Amino acid sequence: MTTDHTQYAPSPNSDMQSCQFWSAHVDALDRHLATDKWALAAVSVVLIACPIARMVTPALLHSLVPDVVRTVLHLV
């Protein structure tokens, strides 16, 4: 992977077609990098959210469901 971005820089006397070429290359690079970033973000969110959801969901259900309903459901 090259880090030299000068090949994508338009020259000062370039016409509109070369600017569109430059823009298309930058957009392609952004789309490529965005996928990696989205995947990393999604994995991070899942790794953080799963343990939190496993702790919060039972506590939330315990606070919302009345004791009578829990007793009846336990008997069934």
PDB file of N, CA and C in Angstrom:
ATOM      1  N   MET A   1       0.855  -1.186   0.000  1.00  0.00           N
ATOM      2  CA  MET A   1       0.000   0.000   0.000  1.00  0.00           C
ATOM      3  C   MET A   1       0.885   1.228   0.000  1.00  0.00           C
ATOM      4  N   THR A   2       0.668   2.095  -0.960  1.00  0.00           N
ATOM      5  CA  THR A   2       1.480   3.294  -1.043  1.00  0.00           C
ATOM      6  C   THR A   2       0.880   4.389  -0.194  1.00  0.00           C
ATOM      7  N   THR A   3       1.747   5.161   0.407  1.00  0.00           N
ATOM      8  CA  THR A   3       1.296   6.287   1.212  1.00  0.00           C
ATOM      9  C   THR A   3       1.556   7.600   0.509  1.00  0.00           C
ATOM     10  N   ASP A   4       2.115   7.548  -0.696  1.00  0.00           N
ATOM     11  CA  ASP A   4       2.412   8.746  -1.454  1.00  0.00           C
ATOM     12  C   ASP A   4       1.159   9.195  -2.185  1.00  0.00           C
ATOM     13  N   HIS A   5       0.582  10.292  -1.733  1.00  0.00           N
ATOM     14  CA  HIS A   5      -0.668  10.775  -2.313  1.00  0.00           C
ATOM     15  C   HIS A   5      -0.437  11.762  -3.446  1.00  0.00           C
ATOM     16  N   THR A   6       0.818  12.015  -3.805  1.00  0.00           N
ATOM     17  CA  THR A   6       1.077  12.984  -4.868  1.00  0.00           C
ATOM     18  C   THR A   6       0.564  12.493  -6.209  1.00  0.00           C
ATOM     19  N   GLN A   7       0.477  11.189  -6.409  1.00  0.00           N
ATOM     20  CA  GLN A   7      -0.031  10.692  -7.677  1.00  0.00           C
ATOM     21  C   GLN A   7      -1.510  10.993  -7.862  1.00  0.00           C
ATOM     22  N   TYR A   8      -2.213  11.291  -6.788  1.00  0.00           N
ATOM     23  CA  TYR A   8      -3.636  11.618  -6.880  1.00  0.00           C
ATOM     24  C   TYR A   8      -3.888  13.119  -6.877  1.00  0.00           C
ATOM     25  N   ALA A   9      -2.848  13.912  -6.681  1.00  0.00           N
ATOM     26  CA  ALA A   9      -3.019  15.359  -6.624  1.00  0.00           C
ATOM     27  C   ALA A   9      -3.113  15.922  -8.040  1.00  0.00           C
ATOM     28  N   PRO A  10      -4.110  16.757  -8.308  1.00  0.00           N
ATOM     29  CA  PRO A  10      -4.223  17.340  -9.642  1.00  0.00           C
ATOM     30  C   PRO A  10      -3.163  18.424  -9.840  1.00  0.00           C
ATOM     31  N   SER A  11      -2.713  18.560 -11.052  1.00  0.00           N
ATOM     32  CA  SER A  11      -1.736  19.612 -11.346  1.00  0.00           C
ATOM     33  C   SER A  11      -2.459  20.951 -11.437  1.00  0.00           C
ATOM     34  N   PRO A  12      -1.735  22.053 -11.252  1.00  0.00           N
ATOM     35  CA  PRO A  12      -2.400  23.371 -11.276  1.00  0.00           C
ATOM     36  C   PRO A  12      -3.048  23.704 -12.615  1.00  0.00           C
ATOM     37  N   ASN A  13      -2.493  23.209 -13.723  1.00  0.00           N
ATOM     38  CA  ASN A  13      -3.069  23.534 -15.035  1.00  0.00           C
ATOM     39  C   ASN A  13      -3.876  22.362 -15.604  1.00  0.00           C
ATOM     40  N   SER A  14      -4.426  21.517 -14.742  1.00  0.00           N
ATOM     41  CA  SER A  14      -5.181  20.362 -15.216  1.00  0.00           C
ATOM     42  C   SER A  14      -6.589  20.759 -15.610  1.00  0.00           C
ATOM     43  N   ASP A  15      -7.156  19.994 -16.504  1.00  0.00           N
ATOM     44  CA  ASP A  15      -8.519  20.259 -16.942  1.00  0.00           C
ATOM     45  C   ASP A  15      -9.510  19.517 -16.034  1.00  0.00           C
ATOM     46  N   MET A  16     -10.784  19.643 -16.307  1.00  0.00           N
ATOM     47  CA  MET A  16     -11.831  19.069 -15.453  1.00  0.00           C
ATOM     48  C   MET A  16     -11.808  17.550 -15.467  1.00  0.00           C
ATOM     49  N   GLN A  17     -11.425  16.942 -16.572  1.00  0.00           N
ATOM     50  CA  GLN A  17     -11.419  15.484 -16.662  1.00  0.00           C
ATOM     51  C   GLN A  17     -10.423  14.879 -15.678  1.00  0.00           C
ATOM     52  N   SER A  18      -9.255  15.479 -15.524  1.00  0.00           N
ATOM     53  CA  SER A  18      -8.278  14.948 -14.581  1.00  0.00           C
ATOM     54  C   SER A  18      -8.745  15.152 -13.144  1.00  0.00           C
ATOM     55  N   CYS A  19      -9.489  16.221 -12.885  1.00  0.00           N
ATOM     56  CA  CYS A  19     -10.038  16.430 -11.538  1.00  0.00           C
ATOM     57  C   CYS A  19     -11.080  15.371 -11.222  1.00  0.00           C
ATOM     58  N   GLN A  20     -11.884  14.982 -12.209  1.00  0.00           N
ATOM     59  CA  GLN A  20     -12.855  13.920 -11.993  1.00  0.00           C
ATOM     60  C   GLN A  20     -12.150  12.597 -11.750  1.00  0.00           C
ATOM     61  N   PHE A  21     -11.030  12.361 -12.460  1.00  0.00           N
ATOM     62  CA  PHE A  21     -10.228  11.160 -12.251  1.00  0.00           C
ATOM     63  C   PHE A  21      -9.691  11.140 -10.827  1.00  0.00           C
ATOM     64  N   TRP A  22      -9.198  12.277 -10.369  1.00  0.00           N
ATOM     65  CA  TRP A  22      -8.674  12.384  -9.005  1.00  0.00           C
ATOM     66  C   TRP A  22      -9.783  12.133  -7.990  1.00  0.00           C
ATOM     67  N   SER A  23     -10.940  12.717  -8.208  1.00  0.00           N
ATOM     68  CA  SER A  23     -12.072  12.547  -7.302  1.00  0.00           C
ATOM     69  C   SER A  23     -12.534  11.093  -7.264  1.00  0.00           C
ATOM     70  N   ALA A  24     -12.548  10.429  -8.398  1.00  0.00           N
ATOM     71  CA  ALA A  24     -12.969   9.029  -8.437  1.00  0.00           C
ATOM     72  C   ALA A  24     -11.988   8.154  -7.664  1.00  0.00           C
ATOM     73  N   HIS A  25     -10.704   8.458  -7.770  1.00  0.00           N
ATOM     74  CA  HIS A  25      -9.711   7.685  -7.022  1.00  0.00           C
ATOM     75  C   HIS A  25      -9.857   7.909  -5.519  1.00  0.00           C
ATOM     76  N   VAL A  26     -10.071   9.142  -5.119  1.00  0.00           N
ATOM     77  CA  VAL A  26     -10.236   9.437  -3.690  1.00  0.00           C
ATOM     78  C   VAL A  26     -11.506   8.783  -3.163  1.00  0.00           C
ATOM     79  N   ASP A  27     -12.588   8.836  -3.931  1.00  0.00           N
ATOM     80  CA  ASP A  27     -13.830   8.186  -3.510  1.00  0.00           C
ATOM     81  C   ASP A  27     -13.643   6.678  -3.381  1.00  0.00           C
ATOM     82  N   ALA A  28     -12.898   6.081  -4.307  1.00  0.00           N
ATOM     83  CA  ALA A  28     -12.645   4.643  -4.233  1.00  0.00           C
ATOM     84  C   ALA A  28     -11.819   4.304  -2.994  1.00  0.00           C
ATOM     85  N   LEU A  29     -10.833   5.115  -2.694  1.00  0.00           N
ATOM     86  CA  LEU A  29     -10.034   4.881  -1.489  1.00  0.00           C
ATOM     87  C   LEU A  29     -10.897   5.025  -0.238  1.00  0.00           C
ATOM     88  N   ASP A  30     -11.767   6.030  -0.207  1.00  0.00           N
ATOM     89  CA  ASP A  30     -12.641   6.222   0.953  1.00  0.00           C
ATOM     90  C   ASP A  30     -13.591   5.049   1.136  1.00  0.00           C
ATOM     91  N   ARG A  31     -14.144   4.554   0.025  1.00  0.00           N
ATOM     92  CA  ARG A  31     -15.050   3.412   0.140  1.00  0.00           C
ATOM     93  C   ARG A  31     -14.304   2.180   0.632  1.00  0.00           C
ATOM     94  N   HIS A  32     -13.094   1.985   0.167  1.00  0.00           N
ATOM     95  CA  HIS A  32     -12.315   0.824   0.585  1.00  0.00           C
ATOM     96  C   HIS A  32     -11.969   0.905   2.070  1.00  0.00           C
ATOM     97  N   LEU A  33     -11.520   2.058   2.514  1.00  0.00           N
ATOM     98  CA  LEU A  33     -11.158   2.214   3.920  1.00  0.00           C
ATOM     99  C   LEU A  33     -12.392   2.215   4.812  1.00  0.00           C
ATOM    100  N   ALA A  34     -13.487   2.737   4.303  1.00  0.00           N
ATOM    101  CA  ALA A  34     -14.698   2.817   5.118  1.00  0.00           C
ATOM    102  C   ALA A  34     -15.207   1.424   5.466  1.00  0.00           C
ATOM    103  N   THR A  35     -15.069   0.475   4.560  1.00  0.00           N
ATOM    104  CA  THR A  35     -15.525  -0.883   4.839  1.00  0.00           C
ATOM    105  C   THR A  35     -14.744  -1.492   5.998  1.00  0.00           C
ATOM    106  N   ASP A  36     -13.445  -1.311   5.983  1.00  0.00           N
ATOM    107  CA  ASP A  36     -12.618  -1.827   7.075  1.00  0.00           C
ATOM    108  C   ASP A  36     -12.980  -1.158   8.397  1.00  0.00           C
ATOM    109  N   LYS A  37     -13.183   0.141   8.339  1.00  0.00           N
ATOM    110  CA  LYS A  37     -13.525   0.867   9.567  1.00  0.00           C
ATOM    111  C   LYS A  37     -14.900   0.452  10.083  1.00  0.00           C
ATOM    112  N   TRP A  38     -15.863   0.268   9.152  1.00  0.00           N
ATOM    113  CA  TRP A  38     -17.197  -0.174   9.568  1.00  0.00           C
ATOM    114  C   TRP A  38     -17.147  -1.560  10.191  1.00  0.00           C
ATOM    115  N   ALA A  39     -16.370  -2.452   9.611  1.00  0.00           N
ATOM    116  CA  ALA A  39     -16.266  -3.805  10.150  1.00  0.00           C
ATOM    117  C   ALA A  39     -15.629  -3.783  11.528  1.00  0.00           C
ATOM    118  N   LEU A  40     -14.583  -3.002  11.703  1.00  0.00           N
ATOM    119  CA  LEU A  40     -13.935  -2.897  13.005  1.00  0.00           C
ATOM    120  C   LEU A  40     -14.880  -2.292  14.033  1.00  0.00           C
ATOM    121  N   ALA A  41     -15.633  -1.286  13.633  1.00  0.00           N
ATOM    122  CA  ALA A  41     -16.594  -0.664  14.543  1.00  0.00           C
ATOM    123  C   ALA A  41     -17.716  -1.633  14.912  1.00  0.00           C
ATOM    124  N   ALA A  42     -18.199  -2.399  13.939  1.00  0.00           N
ATOM    125  CA  ALA A  42     -19.280  -3.346  14.210  1.00  0.00           C
ATOM    126  C   ALA A  42     -18.823  -4.434  15.172  1.00  0.00           C
ATOM    127  N   VAL A  43     -17.632  -4.960  14.972  1.00  0.00           N
ATOM    128  CA  VAL A  43     -17.114  -5.991  15.878  1.00  0.00           C
ATOM    129  C   VAL A  43     -16.927  -5.417  17.276  1.00  0.00           C
ATOM    130  N   SER A  44     -16.414  -4.199  17.362  1.00  0.00           N
ATOM    131  CA  SER A  44     -16.221  -3.568  18.665  1.00  0.00           C
ATOM    132  C   SER A  44     -17.549  -3.360  19.388  1.00  0.00           C
ATOM    133  N   VAL A  45     -18.548  -2.904  18.653  1.00  0.00           N
ATOM    134  CA  VAL A  45     -19.861  -2.671  19.264  1.00  0.00           C
ATOM    135  C   VAL A  45     -20.459  -3.983  19.760  1.00  0.00           C
ATOM    136  N   VAL A  46     -20.344  -5.032  18.982  1.00  0.00           N
ATOM    137  CA  VAL A  46     -20.887  -6.332  19.393  1.00  0.00           C
ATOM    138  C   VAL A  46     -20.162  -6.852  20.627  1.00  0.00           C
ATOM    139  N   LEU A  47     -18.842  -6.729  20.640  1.00  0.00           N
ATOM    140  CA  LEU A  47     -18.072  -7.217  21.790  1.00  0.00           C
ATOM    141  C   LEU A  47     -18.381  -6.444  23.062  1.00  0.00           C
ATOM    142  N   ILE A  48     -18.712  -5.177  22.928  1.00  0.00           N
ATOM    143  CA  ILE A  48     -19.050  -4.368  24.103  1.00  0.00           C
ATOM    144  C   ILE A  48     -20.515  -4.543  24.480  1.00  0.00           C
ATOM    145  N   ALA A  49     -21.413  -4.626  23.492  1.00  0.00           N
ATOM    146  CA  ALA A  49     -22.847  -4.635  23.760  1.00  0.00           C
ATOM    147  C   ALA A  49     -23.354  -5.965  24.300  1.00  0.00           C
ATOM    148  N   CYS A  50     -22.772  -7.071  23.888  1.00  0.00           N
ATOM    149  CA  CYS A  50     -23.285  -8.376  24.324  1.00  0.00           C
ATOM    150  C   CYS A  50     -23.209  -8.574  25.839  1.00  0.00           C
ATOM    151  N   PRO A  51     -22.071  -8.363  26.473  1.00  0.00           N
ATOM    152  CA  PRO A  51     -22.050  -8.531  27.933  1.00  0.00           C
ATOM    153  C   PRO A  51     -22.952  -7.537  28.660  1.00  0.00           C
ATOM    154  N   ILE A  52     -23.017  -6.320  28.145  1.00  0.00           N
ATOM    155  CA  ILE A  52     -23.881  -5.317  28.781  1.00  0.00           C
ATOM    156  C   ILE A  52     -25.340  -5.733  28.650  1.00  0.00           C
ATOM    157  N   ALA A  53     -25.732  -6.203  27.469  1.00  0.00           N
ATOM    158  CA  ALA A  53     -27.118  -6.629  27.263  1.00  0.00           C
ATOM    159  C   ALA A  53     -27.450  -7.837  28.129  1.00  0.00           C
ATOM    160  N   ARG A  54     -26.485  -8.729  28.321  1.00  0.00           N
ATOM    161  CA  ARG A  54     -26.752  -9.914  29.136  1.00  0.00           C
ATOM    162  C   ARG A  54     -26.912  -9.564  30.613  1.00  0.00           C
ATOM    163  N   MET A  55     -26.366  -8.427  31.043  1.00  0.00           N
ATOM    164  CA  MET A  55     -26.546  -7.987  32.428  1.00  0.00           C
ATOM    165  C   MET A  55     -27.765  -7.091  32.584  1.00  0.00           C
ATOM    166  N   VAL A  56     -27.996  -6.223  31.614  1.00  0.00           N
ATOM    167  CA  VAL A  56     -29.061  -5.224  31.732  1.00  0.00           C
ATOM    168  C   VAL A  56     -30.434  -5.821  31.481  1.00  0.00           C
ATOM    169  N   THR A  57     -30.563  -6.742  30.531  1.00  0.00           N
ATOM    170  CA  THR A  57     -31.874  -7.296  30.181  1.00  0.00           C
ATOM    171  C   THR A  57     -32.552  -7.994  31.356  1.00  0.00           C
ATOM    172  N   PRO A  58     -31.886  -8.894  32.085  1.00  0.00           N
ATOM    173  CA  PRO A  58     -32.564  -9.500  33.232  1.00  0.00           C
ATOM    174  C   PRO A  58     -32.921  -8.487  34.325  1.00  0.00           C
ATOM    175  N   ALA A  59     -32.041  -7.525  34.548  1.00  0.00           N
ATOM    176  CA  ALA A  59     -32.343  -6.506  35.563  1.00  0.00           C
ATOM    177  C   ALA A  59     -33.536  -5.659  35.150  1.00  0.00           C
ATOM    178  N   LEU A  60     -33.620  -5.338  33.888  1.00  0.00           N
ATOM    179  CA  LEU A  60     -34.736  -4.541  33.396  1.00  0.00           C
ATOM    180  C   LEU A  60     -36.038  -5.338  33.464  1.00  0.00           C
ATOM    181  N   LEU A  61     -36.017  -6.607  33.068  1.00  0.00           N
ATOM    182  CA  LEU A  61     -37.217  -7.442  33.163  1.00  0.00           C
ATOM    183  C   LEU A  61     -37.643  -7.634  34.610  1.00  0.00           C
ATOM    184  N   HIS A  62     -36.684  -7.793  35.498  1.00  0.00           N
ATOM    185  CA  HIS A  62     -36.999  -7.967  36.910  1.00  0.00           C
ATOM    186  C   HIS A  62     -37.673  -6.721  37.481  1.00  0.00           C
ATOM    187  N   SER A  63     -37.250  -5.555  37.022  1.00  0.00           N
ATOM    188  CA  SER A  63     -37.850  -4.320  37.535  1.00  0.00           C
ATOM    189  C   SER A  63     -39.207  -4.033  36.898  1.00  0.00           C
ATOM    190  N   LEU A  64     -39.444  -4.511  35.666  1.00  0.00           N
ATOM    191  CA  LEU A  64     -40.695  -4.196  34.977  1.00  0.00           C
ATOM    192  C   LEU A  64     -41.810  -5.210  35.238  1.00  0.00           C
ATOM    193  N   VAL A  65     -41.464  -6.478  35.408  1.00  0.00           N
ATOM    194  CA  VAL A  65     -42.482  -7.514  35.572  1.00  0.00           C
ATOM    195  C   VAL A  65     -42.834  -7.620  37.052  1.00  0.00           C
ATOM    196  N   PRO A  66     -44.122  -7.546  37.383  1.00  0.00           N
ATOM    197  CA  PRO A  66     -44.527  -7.641  38.782  1.00  0.00           C
ATOM    198  C   PRO A  66     -44.230  -9.029  39.378  1.00  0.00           C
ATOM    199  N   ASP A  67     -44.141  -9.082  40.702  1.00  0.00           N
ATOM    200  CA  ASP A  67     -43.851 -10.341  41.398  1.00  0.00           C
ATOM    201  C   ASP A  67     -44.921 -11.394  41.141  1.00  0.00           C
ATOM    202  N   VAL A  68     -46.183 -10.971  41.007  1.00  0.00           N
ATOM    203  CA  VAL A  68     -47.271 -11.915  40.786  1.00  0.00           C
ATOM    204  C   VAL A  68     -47.089 -12.648  39.456  1.00  0.00           C
ATOM    205  N   VAL A  69     -46.739 -11.910  38.416  1.00  0.00           N
ATOM    206  CA  VAL A  69     -46.535 -12.521  37.103  1.00  0.00           C
ATOM    207  C   VAL A  69     -45.365 -13.463  37.148  1.00  0.00           C
ATOM    208  N   ARG A  70     -44.286 -13.080  37.834  1.00  0.00           N
ATOM    209  CA  ARG A  70     -43.137 -13.965  37.931  1.00  0.00           C
ATOM    210  C   ARG A  70     -43.474 -15.254  38.672  1.00  0.00           C
ATOM    211  N   THR A  71     -44.301 -15.152  39.699  1.00  0.00           N
ATOM    212  CA  THR A  71     -44.695 -16.342  40.453  1.00  0.00           C
ATOM    213  C   THR A  71     -45.529 -17.272  39.586  1.00  0.00           C
ATOM    214  N   VAL A  72     -46.490 -16.720  38.844  1.00  0.00           N
ATOM    215  CA  VAL A  72     -47.332 -17.528  37.979  1.00  0.00           C
ATOM    216  C   VAL A  72     -46.487 -18.178  36.877  1.00  0.00           C
ATOM    217  N   LEU A  73     -45.590 -17.434  36.297  1.00  0.00           N
ATOM    218  CA  LEU A  73     -44.734 -18.006  35.247  1.00  0.00           C
ATOM    219  C   LEU A  73     -43.800 -19.072  35.806  1.00  0.00           C
ATOM    220  N   HIS A  74     -43.369 -18.893  37.029  1.00  0.00           N
ATOM    221  CA  HIS A  74     -42.510 -19.902  37.651  1.00  0.00           C
ATOM    222  C   HIS A  74     -43.283 -21.188  37.917  1.00  0.00           C
ATOM    223  N   LEU A  75     -44.564 -21.091  38.251  1.00  0.00           N
ATOM    224  CA  LEU A  75     -45.378 -22.266  38.501  1.00  0.00           C
ATOM    225  C   LEU A  75     -45.709 -23.014  37.209  1.00  0.00           C
ATOM    226  N   VAL A  76     -45.782 -22.289  36.115  1.00  0.00           N
ATOM    227  CA  VAL A  76     -46.100 -22.930  34.836  1.00  0.00           C
ATOM    228  C   VAL A  76     -44.892 -23.635  34.360  1.00  0.00           C
TER     229      VAL A  76
END
